[in-house]
C-alpha atoms as a PDB file:
ATOM      1  CA  UNK A   1      25.719  47.001   2.683  1.00  0.00           C
ATOM      2  CA  UNK A   2      29.432  46.229   3.078  1.00  0.00           C
ATOM      3  CA  UNK A   3      31.275  48.302   5.630  1.00  0.00           C
ATOM      4  CA  UNK A   4      35.027  48.210   6.299  1.00  0.00           C
ATOM      5  CA  UNK A   5      35.837  46.774   9.715  1.00  0.00           C
ATOM      6  CA  UNK A   6      38.822  49.000  10.435  1.00  0.00           C
ATOM      7  CA  UNK A   7      40.010  52.386   9.267  1.00  0.00           C
ATOM      8  CA  UNK A   8      42.506  52.270   6.410  1.00  0.00           C
ATOM      9  CA  UNK A   9      45.844  53.804   7.317  1.00  0.00           C
ATOM     10  CA  UNK A  10      46.955  57.015   5.650  1.00  0.00           C
ATOM     11  CA  UNK A  11      49.968  55.294   4.122  1.00  0.00           C
ATOM     12  CA  UNK A  12      47.811  52.630   2.448  1.00  0.00           C
ATOM     13  CA  UNK A  13      45.391  55.282   1.239  1.00  0.00           C
ATOM     14  CA  UNK A  14      48.205  57.429  -0.154  1.00  0.00           C
ATOM     15  CA  UNK A  15      49.878  54.424  -1.771  1.00  0.00           C
ATOM     16  CA  UNK A  16      46.663  53.440  -3.565  1.00  0.00           C
ATOM     17  CA  UNK A  17      46.043  57.018  -4.675  1.00  0.00           C
ATOM     18  CA  UNK A  18      49.627  57.324  -5.990  1.00  0.00           C
ATOM     19  CA  UNK A  19      49.246  54.078  -7.952  1.00  0.00           C
ATOM     20  CA  UNK A  20      45.962  55.264  -9.447  1.00  0.00           C
ATOM     21  CA  UNK A  21      47.459  58.626 -10.420  1.00  0.00           C
ATOM     22  CA  UNK A  22      50.536  56.948 -11.929  1.00  0.00           C
ATOM     23  CA  UNK A  23      48.386  54.688 -14.118  1.00  0.00           C
ATOM     24  CA  UNK A  24      46.330  57.696 -15.208  1.00  0.00           C
ATOM     25  CA  UNK A  25      49.492  59.643 -16.088  1.00  0.00           C
ATOM     26  CA  UNK A  26      50.789  56.757 -18.203  1.00  0.00           C
ATOM     27  CA  UNK A  27      47.460  56.482 -20.052  1.00  0.00           C
ATOM     28  CA  UNK A  28      47.437  60.243 -20.670  1.00  0.00           C
ATOM     29  CA  UNK A  29      51.006  60.139 -22.004  1.00  0.00           C
ATOM     30  CA  UNK A  30      50.121  57.296 -24.406  1.00  0.00           C
ATOM     31  CA  UNK A  31      47.044  59.155 -25.628  1.00  0.00           C
ATOM     32  CA  UNK A  32      49.050  62.340 -26.186  1.00  0.00           C
ATOM     33  CA  UNK A  33      51.750  60.432 -28.049  1.00  0.00           C
ATOM     34  CA  UNK A  34      49.179  58.757 -30.297  1.00  0.00           C
ATOM     35  CA  UNK A  35      47.470  62.081 -30.975  1.00  0.00           C
ATOM     36  CA  UNK A  36      50.774  63.697 -31.931  1.00  0.00           C
ATOM     37  CA  UNK A  37      51.644  60.843 -34.282  1.00  0.00           C
ATOM     38  CA  UNK A  38      48.259  61.112 -35.998  1.00  0.00           C
ATOM     39  CA  UNK A  39      48.564  64.882 -36.409  1.00  0.00           C
ATOM     40  CA  UNK A  40      52.142  64.753 -37.682  1.00  0.00           C
ATOM     41  CA  UNK A  41      51.669  61.891 -40.137  1.00  0.00           C
ATOM     42  CA  UNK A  42      50.930  62.799 -43.721  1.00  0.00           C
ATOM     43  CA  UNK A  43      49.113  60.781 -46.389  1.00  0.00           C
ATOM     44  CA  UNK A  44      52.435  59.563 -47.807  1.00  0.00           C
ATOM     45  CA  UNK A  45      53.928  58.696 -44.422  1.00  0.00           C
ATOM     46  CA  UNK A  46      51.589  55.789 -43.542  1.00  0.00           C
ATOM     47  CA  UNK A  47      53.182  55.353 -40.097  1.00  0.00           C
ATOM     48  CA  UNK A  48      49.688  55.443 -38.620  1.00  0.00           C
ATOM     49  CA  UNK A  49      46.774  53.883 -40.474  1.00  0.00           C
ATOM     50  CA  UNK A  50      43.294  53.560 -39.080  1.00  0.00           C
ATOM     51  CA  UNK A  51      41.618  50.146 -39.636  1.00  0.00           C
ATOM     52  CA  UNK A  52      38.753  51.819 -41.528  1.00  0.00           C
ATOM     53  CA  UNK A  53      41.255  53.372 -43.949  1.00  0.00           C
ATOM     54  CA  UNK A  54      42.664  49.929 -44.662  1.00  0.00           C
ATOM     55  CA  UNK A  55      39.197  48.507 -45.404  1.00  0.00           C
ATOM     56  CA  UNK A  56      38.375  51.363 -47.813  1.00  0.00           C
ATOM     57  CA  UNK A  57      41.638  50.853 -49.730  1.00  0.00           C
ATOM     58  CA  UNK A  58      40.971  47.120 -50.086  1.00  0.00           C
ATOM     59  CA  UNK A  59      37.501  47.793 -51.545  1.00  0.00           C
ATOM     60  CA  UNK A  60      38.860  50.139 -54.213  1.00  0.00           C
END
């Protein structure tokens, strides 16, 4: 089993954790924005269209 040879410094640990949390915050913000756009769009608006909706319209 792989074992680290030396202890990781607190600054490196904190830097990695901050990067991970920042990426997670960006992903959460994008998901929230997408959810809001889906909820606020109406049938006439068409600013957000799911790929399945497009396939159903083409079949009709």
